[in-house]
């Protein structure tokens, strides 16, 4: 199987969740991640843009 086709088989939702978890763990705020515009450039190479966002700043602090 070509490398490009292997990349196309990657579960993007699972990747989004993994990225969000790493950022959430690092910051202590709940983040979500959305992958957009995946472009398969060369064999074995993919470029994509992603959006990472939180709504925690809108939540009242429990001091």
C-alpha atoms as a PDB file:
ATOM      1  CA  UNK A   1       0.000   0.000   0.000  1.00  0.00           C
ATOM      2  CA  UNK A   2       1.291   3.473  -0.867  1.00  0.00           C
ATOM      3  CA  UNK A   3       2.204   5.765   2.013  1.00  0.00           C
ATOM      4  CA  UNK A   4      -0.326   8.374   0.883  1.00  0.00           C
ATOM      5  CA  UNK A   5      -3.112   5.818   1.137  1.00  0.00           C
ATOM      6  CA  UNK A   6      -1.931   4.821   4.625  1.00  0.00           C
ATOM      7  CA  UNK A   7      -2.195   8.475   5.697  1.00  0.00           C
ATOM      8  CA  UNK A   8      -5.723   8.648   4.308  1.00  0.00           C
ATOM      9  CA  UNK A   9      -6.650   5.757   6.606  1.00  0.00           C
ATOM     10  CA  UNK A  10      -5.702   7.701   9.746  1.00  0.00           C
ATOM     11  CA  UNK A  11      -8.746   8.283  11.935  1.00  0.00           C
ATOM     12  CA  UNK A  12      -8.807  12.089  12.034  1.00  0.00           C
ATOM     13  CA  UNK A  13     -11.356  12.178  14.880  1.00  0.00           C
ATOM     14  CA  UNK A  14      -9.051  10.099  17.080  1.00  0.00           C
ATOM     15  CA  UNK A  15      -6.165  12.416  16.157  1.00  0.00           C
ATOM     16  CA  UNK A  16      -8.256  15.493  17.053  1.00  0.00           C
ATOM     17  CA  UNK A  17      -9.122  13.959  20.422  1.00  0.00           C
ATOM     18  CA  UNK A  18      -5.483  13.070  21.126  1.00  0.00           C
ATOM     19  CA  UNK A  19      -4.275  16.611  20.305  1.00  0.00           C
ATOM     20  CA  UNK A  20      -7.021  18.139  22.467  1.00  0.00           C
ATOM     21  CA  UNK A  21      -6.102  15.840  25.371  1.00  0.00           C
ATOM     22  CA  UNK A  22      -2.423  16.793  25.237  1.00  0.00           C
ATOM     23  CA  UNK A  23      -3.261  20.508  25.231  1.00  0.00           C
ATOM     24  CA  UNK A  24      -5.882  20.083  27.963  1.00  0.00           C
ATOM     25  CA  UNK A  25      -3.406  18.168  30.138  1.00  0.00           C
ATOM     26  CA  UNK A  26      -0.717  20.810  29.552  1.00  0.00           C
ATOM     27  CA  UNK A  27      -2.912  23.840  30.295  1.00  0.00           C
ATOM     28  CA  UNK A  28      -5.512  22.519  32.721  1.00  0.00           C
ATOM     29  CA  UNK A  29      -8.270  23.995  30.542  1.00  0.00           C
ATOM     30  CA  UNK A  30     -10.674  21.909  28.484  1.00  0.00           C
ATOM     31  CA  UNK A  31      -9.782  22.229  24.789  1.00  0.00           C
ATOM     32  CA  UNK A  32     -11.234  20.820  21.591  1.00  0.00           C
ATOM     33  CA  UNK A  33      -9.449  20.364  18.284  1.00  0.00           C
ATOM     34  CA  UNK A  34     -10.758  20.306  14.720  1.00  0.00           C
ATOM     35  CA  UNK A  35      -8.634  19.251  11.760  1.00  0.00           C
ATOM     36  CA  UNK A  36      -9.445  21.044   8.518  1.00  0.00           C
ATOM     37  CA  UNK A  37      -8.163  21.018   4.954  1.00  0.00           C
ATOM     38  CA  UNK A  38      -6.005  17.904   4.777  1.00  0.00           C
ATOM     39  CA  UNK A  39      -3.758  18.006   1.725  1.00  0.00           C
ATOM     40  CA  UNK A  40      -1.681  15.010   0.679  1.00  0.00           C
ATOM     41  CA  UNK A  41       1.431  16.662  -0.747  1.00  0.00           C
ATOM     42  CA  UNK A  42       3.944  13.933  -1.502  1.00  0.00           C
ATOM     43  CA  UNK A  43       4.035  10.230  -0.890  1.00  0.00           C
ATOM     44  CA  UNK A  44       4.031   9.885   2.867  1.00  0.00           C
ATOM     45  CA  UNK A  45       3.408  13.592   3.526  1.00  0.00           C
ATOM     46  CA  UNK A  46       0.217  15.329   4.615  1.00  0.00           C
ATOM     47  CA  UNK A  47      -0.331  18.968   5.502  1.00  0.00           C
ATOM     48  CA  UNK A  48      -3.341  20.088   7.460  1.00  0.00           C
ATOM     49  CA  UNK A  49      -4.626  23.031   9.396  1.00  0.00           C
ATOM     50  CA  UNK A  50      -6.255  22.638  12.754  1.00  0.00           C
ATOM     51  CA  UNK A  51      -8.213  24.761  15.162  1.00  0.00           C
ATOM     52  CA  UNK A  52      -7.740  24.415  18.900  1.00  0.00           C
ATOM     53  CA  UNK A  53     -10.240  26.215  21.084  1.00  0.00           C
ATOM     54  CA  UNK A  54     -11.567  26.381  24.619  1.00  0.00           C
ATOM     55  CA  UNK A  55     -14.713  27.721  26.200  1.00  0.00           C
ATOM     56  CA  UNK A  56     -13.285  27.490  29.724  1.00  0.00           C
ATOM     57  CA  UNK A  57     -12.568  31.225  29.822  1.00  0.00           C
ATOM     58  CA  UNK A  58     -16.329  31.784  29.737  1.00  0.00           C
ATOM     59  CA  UNK A  59     -16.893  29.618  32.823  1.00  0.00           C
ATOM     60  CA  UNK A  60     -17.122  31.305  36.234  1.00  0.00           C
ATOM     61  CA  UNK A  61     -14.245  30.547  38.576  1.00  0.00           C
ATOM     62  CA  UNK A  62     -15.053  28.599  41.721  1.00  0.00           C
ATOM     63  CA  UNK A  63     -12.785  30.362  44.231  1.00  0.00           C
END
